[in-house]
PDB file of N, CA and C in Angstrom:
ATOM      1  N   MET A   1     -18.295  -6.974 -11.337  1.00  0.00           N
ATOM      2  CA  MET A   1     -17.345  -6.172 -10.589  1.00  0.00           C
ATOM      3  C   MET A   1     -16.379  -5.493 -11.551  1.00  0.00           C
ATOM      4  N   GLN A   2     -16.331  -4.197 -11.489  1.00  0.00           N
ATOM      5  CA  GLN A   2     -15.460  -3.429 -12.369  1.00  0.00           C
ATOM      6  C   GLN A   2     -14.000  -3.636 -12.011  1.00  0.00           C
ATOM      7  N   LYS A   3     -13.701  -3.827 -10.738  1.00  0.00           N
ATOM      8  CA  LYS A   3     -12.320  -4.001 -10.292  1.00  0.00           C
ATOM      9  C   LYS A   3     -11.685  -5.227 -10.938  1.00  0.00           C
ATOM     10  N   MET A   4     -12.449  -6.276 -11.077  1.00  0.00           N
ATOM     11  CA  MET A   4     -11.927  -7.522 -11.623  1.00  0.00           C
ATOM     12  C   MET A   4     -11.588  -7.391 -13.110  1.00  0.00           C
ATOM     13  N   SER A   5     -12.304  -6.512 -13.843  1.00  0.00           N
ATOM     14  CA  SER A   5     -12.104  -6.436 -15.286  1.00  0.00           C
ATOM     15  C   SER A   5     -10.931  -5.545 -15.678  1.00  0.00           C
ATOM     16  N   ILE A   6     -10.401  -4.738 -14.781  1.00  0.00           N
ATOM     17  CA  ILE A   6      -9.316  -3.821 -15.128  1.00  0.00           C
ATOM     18  C   ILE A   6      -7.986  -4.557 -15.256  1.00  0.00           C
ATOM     19  N   ALA A   7      -7.651  -5.419 -14.309  1.00  0.00           N
ATOM     20  CA  ALA A   7      -6.370  -6.135 -14.372  1.00  0.00           C
ATOM     21  C   ALA A   7      -6.275  -7.014 -15.617  1.00  0.00           C
ATOM     22  N   PRO A   8      -7.311  -7.781 -15.994  1.00  0.00           N
ATOM     23  CA  PRO A   8      -7.214  -8.537 -17.246  1.00  0.00           C
ATOM     24  C   PRO A   8      -7.072  -7.619 -18.462  1.00  0.00           C
ATOM     25  N   ASN A   9      -7.641  -6.403 -18.395  1.00  0.00           N
ATOM     26  CA  ASN A   9      -7.510  -5.461 -19.493  1.00  0.00           C
ATOM     27  C   ASN A   9      -6.044  -5.087 -19.701  1.00  0.00           C
ATOM     28  N   SER A  10      -5.317  -4.806 -18.623  1.00  0.00           N
ATOM     29  CA  SER A  10      -3.897  -4.478 -18.767  1.00  0.00           C
ATOM     30  C   SER A  10      -3.107  -5.699 -19.234  1.00  0.00           C
ATOM     31  N   THR A  11      -3.544  -6.880 -18.838  1.00  0.00           N
ATOM     32  CA  THR A  11      -2.884  -8.104 -19.305  1.00  0.00           C
ATOM     33  C   THR A  11      -3.103  -8.286 -20.805  1.00  0.00           C
ATOM     34  N   LYS A  12      -4.319  -7.997 -21.276  1.00  0.00           N
ATOM     35  CA  LYS A  12      -4.601  -8.090 -22.712  1.00  0.00           C
ATOM     36  C   LYS A  12      -3.752  -7.096 -23.499  1.00  0.00           C
ATOM     37  N   ILE A  13      -3.581  -5.896 -22.949  1.00  0.00           N
ATOM     38  CA  ILE A  13      -2.755  -4.880 -23.611  1.00  0.00           C
ATOM     39  C   ILE A  13      -1.316  -5.375 -23.707  1.00  0.00           C
ATOM     40  N   ALA A  14      -0.797  -5.954 -22.625  1.00  0.00           N
ATOM     41  CA  ALA A  14       0.581  -6.454 -22.623  1.00  0.00           C
ATOM     42  C   ALA A  14       0.743  -7.604 -23.615  1.00  0.00           C
ATOM     43  N   LEU A  15      -0.221  -8.513 -23.652  1.00  0.00           N
ATOM     44  CA  LEU A  15      -0.131  -9.648 -24.582  1.00  0.00           C
ATOM     45  C   LEU A  15      -0.193  -9.194 -26.040  1.00  0.00           C
ATOM     46  N   SER A  16      -1.054  -8.206 -26.306  1.00  0.00           N
ATOM     47  CA  SER A  16      -1.129  -7.725 -27.690  1.00  0.00           C
ATOM     48  C   SER A  16       0.167  -7.023 -28.097  1.00  0.00           C
ATOM     49  N   PHE A  17       0.831  -6.373 -27.147  1.00  0.00           N
ATOM     50  CA  PHE A  17       2.130  -5.760 -27.447  1.00  0.00           C
ATOM     51  C   PHE A  17       3.170  -6.839 -27.736  1.00  0.00           C
ATOM     52  N   LEU A  18       3.176  -7.889 -26.914  1.00  0.00           N
ATOM     53  CA  LEU A  18       4.144  -8.972 -27.116  1.00  0.00           C
ATOM     54  C   LEU A  18       3.901  -9.713 -28.433  1.00  0.00           C
ATOM     55  N   ASP A  19       2.650  -9.750 -28.866  1.00  0.00           N
ATOM     56  CA  ASP A  19       2.335 -10.391 -30.148  1.00  0.00           C
ATOM     57  C   ASP A  19       2.697  -9.499 -31.338  1.00  0.00           C
ATOM     58  N   GLY A  20       3.046  -8.242 -31.063  1.00  0.00           N
ATOM     59  CA  GLY A  20       3.419  -7.320 -32.131  1.00  0.00           C
ATOM     60  C   GLY A  20       2.253  -6.546 -32.700  1.00  0.00           C
ATOM     61  N   ASP A  21       1.110  -6.556 -32.022  1.00  0.00           N
ATOM     62  CA  ASP A  21      -0.072  -5.849 -32.514  1.00  0.00           C
ATOM     63  C   ASP A  21      -0.056  -4.362 -32.168  1.00  0.00           C
ATOM     64  N   ARG A  22       0.819  -3.932 -31.273  1.00  0.00           N
ATOM     65  CA  ARG A  22       0.853  -2.533 -30.822  1.00  0.00           C
ATOM     66  C   ARG A  22       2.261  -1.975 -30.955  1.00  0.00           C
ATOM     67  N   THR A  23       2.305  -0.653 -31.088  1.00  0.00           N
ATOM     68  CA  THR A  23       3.606   0.020 -31.065  1.00  0.00           C
ATOM     69  C   THR A  23       3.990   0.260 -29.611  1.00  0.00           C
ATOM     70  N   VAL A  24       5.248   0.598 -29.399  1.00  0.00           N
ATOM     71  CA  VAL A  24       5.725   0.865 -28.035  1.00  0.00           C
ATOM     72  C   VAL A  24       4.976   2.051 -27.439  1.00  0.00           C
ATOM     73  N   GLU A  25       4.771   3.098 -28.236  1.00  0.00           N
ATOM     74  CA  GLU A  25       4.096   4.299 -27.735  1.00  0.00           C
ATOM     75  C   GLU A  25       2.655   4.004 -27.317  1.00  0.00           C
ATOM     76  N   SER A  26       1.921   3.299 -28.167  1.00  0.00           N
ATOM     77  CA  SER A  26       0.524   3.004 -27.822  1.00  0.00           C
ATOM     78  C   SER A  26       0.445   2.041 -26.636  1.00  0.00           C
ATOM     79  N   PHE A  27       1.387   1.083 -26.585  1.00  0.00           N
ATOM     80  CA  PHE A  27       1.403   0.159 -25.449  1.00  0.00           C
ATOM     81  C   PHE A  27       1.622   0.918 -24.145  1.00  0.00           C
ATOM     82  N   LEU A  28       2.651   1.783 -24.120  1.00  0.00           N
ATOM     83  CA  LEU A  28       2.950   2.516 -22.885  1.00  0.00           C
ATOM     84  C   LEU A  28       1.777   3.392 -22.470  1.00  0.00           C
ATOM     85  N   GLU A  29       1.187   4.079 -23.419  1.00  0.00           N
ATOM     86  CA  GLU A  29       0.078   4.976 -23.100  1.00  0.00           C
ATOM     87  C   GLU A  29      -1.114   4.207 -22.530  1.00  0.00           C
ATOM     88  N   GLU A  30      -1.517   3.144 -23.191  1.00  0.00           N
ATOM     89  CA  GLU A  30      -2.697   2.391 -22.754  1.00  0.00           C
ATOM     90  C   GLU A  30      -2.423   1.554 -21.505  1.00  0.00           C
ATOM     91  N   PHE A  31      -1.247   0.960 -21.415  1.00  0.00           N
ATOM     92  CA  PHE A  31      -0.930   0.108 -20.270  1.00  0.00           C
ATOM     93  C   PHE A  31      -0.830   0.930 -18.985  1.00  0.00           C
ATOM     94  N   VAL A  32      -0.127   2.069 -19.067  1.00  0.00           N
ATOM     95  CA  VAL A  32       0.016   2.917 -17.873  1.00  0.00           C
ATOM     96  C   VAL A  32      -1.351   3.420 -17.423  1.00  0.00           C
ATOM     97  N   GLU A  33      -2.194   3.827 -18.360  1.00  0.00           N
ATOM     98  CA  GLU A  33      -3.525   4.312 -17.999  1.00  0.00           C
ATOM     99  C   GLU A  33      -4.361   3.201 -17.357  1.00  0.00           C
ATOM    100  N   ALA A  34      -4.303   1.994 -17.907  1.00  0.00           N
ATOM    101  CA  ALA A  34      -5.067   0.871 -17.352  1.00  0.00           C
ATOM    102  C   ALA A  34      -4.570   0.503 -15.956  1.00  0.00           C
ATOM    103  N   ARG A  35      -3.265   0.501 -15.743  1.00  0.00           N
ATOM    104  CA  ARG A  35      -2.721   0.159 -14.423  1.00  0.00           C
ATOM    105  C   ARG A  35      -3.031   1.254 -13.405  1.00  0.00           C
ATOM    106  N   LYS A  36      -2.982   2.516 -13.835  1.00  0.00           N
ATOM    107  CA  LYS A  36      -3.311   3.619 -12.932  1.00  0.00           C
ATOM    108  C   LYS A  36      -4.765   3.520 -12.485  1.00  0.00           C
ATOM    109  N   LEU A  37      -5.650   3.233 -13.426  1.00  0.00           N
ATOM    110  CA  LEU A  37      -7.065   3.084 -13.102  1.00  0.00           C
ATOM    111  C   LEU A  37      -7.288   1.906 -12.152  1.00  0.00           C
ATOM    112  N   ALA A  38      -6.616   0.792 -12.403  1.00  0.00           N
ATOM    113  CA  ALA A  38      -6.743  -0.373 -11.521  1.00  0.00           C
ATOM    114  C   ALA A  38      -6.229  -0.053 -10.123  1.00  0.00           C
ATOM    115  N   HIS A  39      -5.121   0.667 -10.053  1.00  0.00           N
ATOM    116  CA  HIS A  39      -4.540   1.015  -8.756  1.00  0.00           C
ATOM    117  C   HIS A  39      -5.469   1.951  -7.975  1.00  0.00           C
ATOM    118  N   LEU A  40      -6.010   2.970  -8.637  1.00  0.00           N
ATOM    119  CA  LEU A  40      -6.914   3.900  -7.956  1.00  0.00           C
ATOM    120  C   LEU A  40      -8.176   3.201  -7.466  1.00  0.00           C
ATOM    121  N   ARG A  41      -8.700   2.295  -8.272  1.00  0.00           N
ATOM    122  CA  ARG A  41      -9.895   1.558  -7.838  1.00  0.00           C
ATOM    123  C   ARG A  41      -9.580   0.641  -6.670  1.00  0.00           C
ATOM    124  N   ARG A  42      -8.415   0.058  -6.670  1.00  0.00           N
ATOM    125  CA  ARG A  42      -8.011  -0.810  -5.553  1.00  0.00           C
ATOM    126  C   ARG A  42      -7.904  -0.004  -4.264  1.00  0.00           C
ATOM    127  N   ILE A  43      -7.328   1.182  -4.352  1.00  0.00           N
ATOM    128  CA  ILE A  43      -7.213   2.051  -3.178  1.00  0.00           C
ATOM    129  C   ILE A  43      -8.598   2.428  -2.666  1.00  0.00           C
ATOM    130  N   LYS A  44      -9.518   2.763  -3.570  1.00  0.00           N
ATOM    131  CA  LYS A  44     -10.869   3.139  -3.154  1.00  0.00           C
ATOM    132  C   LYS A  44     -11.597   1.973  -2.496  1.00  0.00           C
ATOM    133  N   VAL A  45     -11.426   0.775  -3.035  1.00  0.00           N
ATOM    134  CA  VAL A  45     -12.065  -0.410  -2.441  1.00  0.00           C
ATOM    135  C   VAL A  45     -11.503  -0.657  -1.044  1.00  0.00           C
ATOM    136  N   ASP A  46     -10.181  -0.555  -0.894  1.00  0.00           N
ATOM    137  CA  ASP A  46      -9.566  -0.768   0.423  1.00  0.00           C
ATOM    138  C   ASP A  46     -10.037   0.276   1.427  1.00  0.00           C
ATOM    139  N   LYS A  47     -10.124   1.537   1.005  1.00  0.00           N
ATOM    140  CA  LYS A  47     -10.562   2.607   1.905  1.00  0.00           C
ATOM    141  C   LYS A  47     -12.023   2.413   2.303  1.00  0.00           C
ATOM    142  N   MET A  48     -12.861   2.037   1.354  1.00  0.00           N
ATOM    143  CA  MET A  48     -14.272   1.807   1.661  1.00  0.00           C
ATOM    144  C   MET A  48     -14.428   0.636   2.627  1.00  0.00           C
ATOM    145  N   THR A  49     -13.644  -0.416   2.426  1.00  0.00           N
ATOM    146  CA  THR A  49     -13.683  -1.563   3.336  1.00  0.00           C
ATOM    147  C   THR A  49     -13.266  -1.139   4.738  1.00  0.00           C
ATOM    148  N   GLU A  50     -12.227  -0.323   4.822  1.00  0.00           N
ATOM    149  CA  GLU A  50     -11.765   0.158   6.129  1.00  0.00           C
ATOM    150  C   GLU A  50     -12.835   0.999   6.813  1.00  0.00           C
ATOM    151  N   LEU A  51     -13.485   1.891   6.064  1.00  0.00           N
ATOM    152  CA  LEU A  51     -14.528   2.735   6.651  1.00  0.00           C
ATOM    153  C   LEU A  51     -15.722   1.908   7.115  1.00  0.00           C
ATOM    154  N   LEU A  52     -16.096   0.909   6.341  1.00  0.00           N
ATOM    155  CA  LEU A  52     -17.241   0.083   6.727  1.00  0.00           C
ATOM    156  C   LEU A  52     -16.940  -0.772   7.947  1.00  0.00           C
ATOM    157  N   THR A  53     -15.725  -1.303   8.058  1.00  0.00           N
ATOM    158  CA  THR A  53     -15.399  -2.111   9.234  1.00  0.00           C
ATOM    159  C   THR A  53     -15.281  -1.233  10.471  1.00  0.00           C
ATOM    160  N   ARG A  54     -14.876   0.006  10.309  1.00  0.00           N
ATOM    161  CA  ARG A  54     -14.784   0.914  11.445  1.00  0.00           C
ATOM    162  C   ARG A  54     -16.167   1.317  11.940  1.00  0.00           C
ATOM    163  N   ARG A  55     -17.158   1.354  11.044  1.00  0.00           N
ATOM    164  CA  ARG A  55     -18.515   1.753  11.393  1.00  0.00           C
ATOM    165  C   ARG A  55     -19.305   0.665  12.090  1.00  0.00           C
ATOM    166  N   MET A  56     -18.933  -0.576  11.904  1.00  0.00           N
ATOM    167  CA  MET A  56     -19.705  -1.688  12.450  1.00  0.00           C
ATOM    168  C   MET A  56     -19.669  -1.639  13.977  1.00  0.00           C
ATOM    169  N   PRO A  57     -20.781  -1.988  14.629  1.00  0.00           N
ATOM    170  CA  PRO A  57     -20.806  -1.952  16.093  1.00  0.00           C
ATOM    171  C   PRO A  57     -19.833  -2.961  16.687  1.00  0.00           C
ATOM    172  N   ARG A  58     -19.306  -2.604  17.830  1.00  0.00           N
ATOM    173  CA  ARG A  58     -18.354  -3.480  18.517  1.00  0.00           C
ATOM    174  C   ARG A  58     -19.094  -4.651  19.156  1.00  0.00           C
ATOM    175  N   PRO A  59     -18.454  -5.803  19.222  1.00  0.00           N
ATOM    176  CA  PRO A  59     -19.089  -6.932  19.912  1.00  0.00           C
ATOM    177  C   PRO A  59     -19.174  -6.652  21.414  1.00  0.00           C
ATOM    178  N   MET A  60     -20.048  -7.386  22.086  1.00  0.00           N
ATOM    179  CA  MET A  60     -20.270  -7.156  23.516  1.00  0.00           C
ATOM    180  C   MET A  60     -19.008  -7.371  24.337  1.00  0.00           C
ATOM    181  N   GLY A  61     -18.127  -8.245  23.920  1.00  0.00           N
ATOM    182  CA  GLY A  61     -16.914  -8.519  24.673  1.00  0.00           C
ATOM    183  C   GLY A  61     -15.830  -7.471  24.465  1.00  0.00           C
ATOM    184  N   GLY A  62     -16.030  -6.563  23.497  1.00  0.00           N
ATOM    185  CA  GLY A  62     -15.028  -5.545  23.189  1.00  0.00           C
ATOM    186  C   GLY A  62     -14.946  -4.498  24.287  1.00  0.00           C
ATOM    187  N   ALA A  63     -13.891  -3.744  24.244  1.00  0.00           N
ATOM    188  CA  ALA A  63     -13.697  -2.692  25.241  1.00  0.00           C
ATOM    189  C   ALA A  63     -14.684  -1.562  24.981  1.00  0.00           C
ATOM    190  N   ALA A  64     -15.448  -1.217  25.977  1.00  0.00           N
ATOM    191  CA  ALA A  64     -16.413  -0.129  25.865  1.00  0.00           C
ATOM    192  C   ALA A  64     -15.745   1.172  26.299  1.00  0.00           C
ATOM    193  N   PRO A  65     -16.172   2.297  25.753  1.00  0.00           N
ATOM    194  CA  PRO A  65     -15.590   3.564  26.194  1.00  0.00           C
ATOM    195  C   PRO A  65     -15.963   3.832  27.647  1.00  0.00           C
ATOM    196  N   PRO A  66     -15.128   4.556  28.377  1.00  0.00           N
ATOM    197  CA  PRO A  66     -15.443   4.828  29.783  1.00  0.00           C
ATOM    198  C   PRO A  66     -16.715   5.668  29.883  1.00  0.00           C
ATOM    199  N   PRO A  67     -17.514   5.450  30.936  1.00  0.00           N
ATOM    200  CA  PRO A  67     -18.749   6.228  31.074  1.00  0.00           C
ATOM    201  C   PRO A  67     -18.417   7.692  31.343  1.00  0.00           C
ATOM    202  N   SER A  68     -19.236   8.575  30.807  1.00  0.00           N
ATOM    203  CA  SER A  68     -18.995   9.998  31.036  1.00  0.00           C
ATOM    204  C   SER A  68     -19.611  10.399  32.370  1.00  0.00           C
ATOM    205  N   ARG A  69     -19.000  11.355  32.996  1.00  0.00           N
ATOM    206  CA  ARG A  69     -19.529  11.808  34.287  1.00  0.00           C
ATOM    207  C   ARG A  69     -20.486  12.968  34.057  1.00  0.00           C
ATOM    208  N   PRO A  70     -21.390  13.218  35.000  1.00  0.00           N
ATOM    209  CA  PRO A  70     -22.370  14.288  34.807  1.00  0.00           C
ATOM    210  C   PRO A  70     -21.700  15.664  34.873  1.00  0.00           C
ATOM    211  N   ALA A  71     -22.337  16.627  34.267  1.00  0.00           N
ATOM    212  CA  ALA A  71     -21.821  17.993  34.263  1.00  0.00           C
ATOM    213  C   ALA A  71     -21.921  18.584  35.666  1.00  0.00           C
ATOM    214  N   PRO A  72     -21.001  19.473  36.035  1.00  0.00           N
ATOM    215  CA  PRO A  72     -21.089  20.104  37.358  1.00  0.00           C
ATOM    216  C   PRO A  72     -22.315  21.013  37.418  1.00  0.00           C
ATOM    217  N   PRO A  73     -22.810  21.285  38.625  1.00  0.00           N
ATOM    218  CA  PRO A  73     -23.992  22.147  38.743  1.00  0.00           C
ATOM    219  C   PRO A  73     -23.659  23.580  38.314  1.00  0.00           C
ATOM    220  N   ALA A  74     -24.685  24.293  37.912  1.00  0.00           N
ATOM    221  CA  ALA A  74     -24.508  25.687  37.507  1.00  0.00           C
ATOM    222  C   ALA A  74     -24.109  26.524  38.718  1.00  0.00           C
ATOM    223  N   PRO A  75     -23.278  27.549  38.504  1.00  0.00           N
ATOM    224  CA  PRO A  75     -22.879  28.380  39.644  1.00  0.00           C
ATOM    225  C   PRO A  75     -24.085  29.093  40.239  1.00  0.00           C
ATOM    226  N   GLY A  76     -24.044  29.289  41.505  1.00  0.00           N
ATOM    227  CA  GLY A  76     -25.114  29.971  42.216  1.00  0.00           C
ATOM    228  C   GLY A  76     -24.703  30.152  43.670  1.00  0.00           C
ATOM    229  N   GLY A  77     -25.501  30.795  44.440  1.00  0.00           N
ATOM    230  CA  GLY A  77     -25.183  30.996  45.839  1.00  0.00           C
ATOM    231  C   GLY A  77     -24.916  32.467  46.129  1.00  0.00           C
ATOM    232  N   PRO A  78     -24.418  32.774  47.344  1.00  0.00           N
ATOM    233  CA  PRO A  78     -24.264  34.181  47.728  1.00  0.00           C
ATOM    234  C   PRO A  78     -23.176  34.909  46.928  1.00  0.00           C
ATOM    235  N   TYR A  79     -22.181  34.212  46.451  1.00  0.00           N
ATOM    236  CA  TYR A  79     -21.084  34.879  45.762  1.00  0.00           C
ATOM    237  C   TYR A  79     -21.223  34.829  44.244  1.00  0.00           C
ATOM    238  N   HIS A  80     -22.067  33.983  43.762  1.00  0.00           N
ATOM    239  CA  HIS A  80     -22.271  33.856  42.322  1.00  0.00           C
ATOM    240  C   HIS A  80     -23.750  34.026  42.027  1.00  0.00           C
ATOM    241  N   PRO A  81     -24.120  35.084  41.332  1.00  0.00           N
ATOM    242  CA  PRO A  81     -25.536  35.222  40.973  1.00  0.00           C
ATOM    243  C   PRO A  81     -25.911  34.136  39.967  1.00  0.00           C
ATOM    244  N   PRO A  82     -27.172  33.791  39.894  1.00  0.00           N
ATOM    245  CA  PRO A  82     -27.574  32.756  38.938  1.00  0.00           C
ATOM    246  C   PRO A  82     -27.288  33.218  37.506  1.00  0.00           C
ATOM    247  N   MET A  83     -27.053  32.259  36.646  1.00  0.00           N
ATOM    248  CA  MET A  83     -26.749  32.568  35.252  1.00  0.00           C
ATOM    249  C   MET A  83     -27.999  33.115  34.568  1.00  0.00           C
ATOM    250  N   PRO A  84     -27.846  34.139  33.729  1.00  0.00           N
ATOM    251  CA  PRO A  84     -29.023  34.675  33.028  1.00  0.00           C
ATOM    252  C   PRO A  84     -29.474  33.697  31.948  1.00  0.00           C
ATOM    253  N   PRO A  85     -30.734  33.750  31.591  1.00  0.00           N
ATOM    254  CA  PRO A  85     -31.197  32.874  30.515  1.00  0.00           C
ATOM    255  C   PRO A  85     -30.531  33.258  29.193  1.00  0.00           C
ATOM    256  N   ILE A  86     -30.519  32.318  28.279  1.00  0.00           N
ATOM    257  CA  ILE A  86     -29.890  32.563  26.984  1.00  0.00           C
ATOM    258  C   ILE A  86     -30.658  33.661  26.259  1.00  0.00           C
ATOM    259  N   GLY A  87     -29.949  34.621  25.726  1.00  0.00           N
ATOM    260  CA  GLY A  87     -30.565  35.730  25.014  1.00  0.00           C
ATOM    261  C   GLY A  87     -30.809  36.936  25.900  1.00  0.00           C
ATOM    262  N   ALA A  88     -30.626  36.817  27.214  1.00  0.00           N
ATOM    263  CA  ALA A  88     -30.825  37.946  28.119  1.00  0.00           C
ATOM    264  C   ALA A  88     -29.596  38.847  28.073  1.00  0.00           C
ATOM    265  N   ALA A  89     -29.731  40.021  28.665  1.00  0.00           N
ATOM    266  CA  ALA A  89     -28.617  40.967  28.707  1.00  0.00           C
ATOM    267  C   ALA A  89     -27.476  40.364  29.526  1.00  0.00           C
ATOM    268  N   PRO A  90     -26.239  40.593  29.116  1.00  0.00           N
ATOM    269  CA  PRO A  90     -25.109  40.029  29.857  1.00  0.00           C
ATOM    270  C   PRO A  90     -24.944  40.678  31.228  1.00  0.00           C
ATOM    271  N   ILE A  91     -24.313  39.970  32.123  1.00  0.00           N
ATOM    272  CA  ILE A  91     -24.056  40.482  33.471  1.00  0.00           C
ATOM    273  C   ILE A  91     -22.856  41.417  33.405  1.00  0.00           C
ATOM    274  N   PRO A  92     -22.976  42.648  33.938  1.00  0.00           N
ATOM    275  CA  PRO A  92     -21.822  43.558  33.902  1.00  0.00           C
ATOM    276  C   PRO A  92     -20.733  43.066  34.855  1.00  0.00           C
ATOM    277  N   PRO A  93     -19.489  43.462  34.614  1.00  0.00           N
ATOM    278  CA  PRO A  93     -18.388  42.990  35.451  1.00  0.00           C
ATOM    279  C   PRO A  93     -18.263  43.727  36.780  1.00  0.00           C
ATOM    280  N   TYR A  94     -19.236  44.565  37.137  1.00  0.00           N
ATOM    281  CA  TYR A  94     -19.195  45.312  38.392  1.00  0.00           C
ATOM    282  C   TYR A  94     -20.522  45.104  39.119  1.00  0.00           C
ATOM    283  N   PRO A  95     -20.543  45.316  40.437  1.00  0.00           N
ATOM    284  CA  PRO A  95     -21.798  45.125  41.180  1.00  0.00           C
ATOM    285  C   PRO A  95     -22.836  46.175  40.781  1.00  0.00           C
ATOM    286  N   THR A  96     -24.062  45.761  40.633  1.00  0.00           N
ATOM    287  CA  THR A  96     -25.134  46.696  40.282  1.00  0.00           C
ATOM    288  C   THR A  96     -25.979  47.063  41.492  1.00  0.00           C
ATOM    289  N   THR A  97     -25.782  46.390  42.605  1.00  0.00           N
ATOM    290  CA  THR A  97     -26.509  46.736  43.830  1.00  0.00           C
ATOM    291  C   THR A  97     -25.552  47.418  44.788  1.00  0.00           C
ATOM    292  N   HIS A  98     -26.114  48.161  45.754  1.00  0.00           N
ATOM    293  CA  HIS A  98     -25.288  48.888  46.711  1.00  0.00           C
ATOM    294  C   HIS A  98     -24.880  47.949  47.848  1.00  0.00           C
ATOM    295  N   TYR A  99     -23.596  47.706  47.941  1.00  0.00           N
ATOM    296  CA  TYR A  99     -23.059  46.945  49.059  1.00  0.00           C
ATOM    297  C   TYR A  99     -22.390  47.944  49.992  1.00  0.00           C
ATOM    298  N   PRO A 100     -22.702  47.905  51.286  1.00  0.00           N
ATOM    299  CA  PRO A 100     -22.057  48.865  52.193  1.00  0.00           C
ATOM    300  C   PRO A 100     -20.552  48.595  52.249  1.00  0.00           C
ATOM    301  N   MET A 101     -19.809  49.610  51.942  1.00  0.00           N
ATOM    302  CA  MET A 101     -18.358  49.504  51.950  1.00  0.00           C
ATOM    303  C   MET A 101     -17.830  50.260  53.168  1.00  0.00           C
ATOM    304  N   PRO A 102     -16.774  49.780  53.784  1.00  0.00           N
ATOM    305  CA  PRO A 102     -16.204  50.519  54.918  1.00  0.00           C
ATOM    306  C   PRO A 102     -15.608  51.841  54.433  1.00  0.00           C
ATOM    307  N   MET A 103     -15.808  52.855  55.223  1.00  0.00           N
ATOM    308  CA  MET A 103     -15.289  54.181  54.896  1.00  0.00           C
ATOM    309  C   MET A 103     -13.937  54.360  55.573  1.00  0.00           C
ATOM    310  N   PRO A 104     -13.022  55.021  54.922  1.00  0.00           N
ATOM    311  CA  PRO A 104     -11.719  55.252  55.557  1.00  0.00           C
ATOM    312  C   PRO A 104     -11.859  56.234  56.718  1.00  0.00           C
ATOM    313  N   TYR A 105     -11.009  56.069  57.721  1.00  0.00           N
ATOM    314  CA  TYR A 105     -11.024  56.982  58.872  1.00  0.00           C
ATOM    315  C   TYR A 105     -10.364  58.281  58.475  1.00  0.00           C
ATOM    316  N   MET A 106     -10.913  59.366  58.968  1.00  0.00           N
ATOM    317  CA  MET A 106     -10.340  60.666  58.672  1.00  0.00           C
ATOM    318  C   MET A 106      -9.683  61.241  59.857  1.00  0.00           C
TER     319      MET A 106
END
């Protein structure tokens, strides 16, 4: 596991600094980089764990989502012409057949 080896690495860097094997500049540079890498890997492990637990199927006793209801029927009837098939010419917004209209009185 790579995650396990990063924290001891930063500990080794700190111990070598305390023993006087490193300068302050090299200690700060290497220690900060090692801790940043450990922190980023920890975040990635936590996020992956969260995603995997969210993906797992729910137990039978868990709350199930409400059932979906069926779609309403397509419009049709005397006031609504049937829907054209997909890819057909669109229906114009005005009547295309002659409907007898009342004539005004003169």
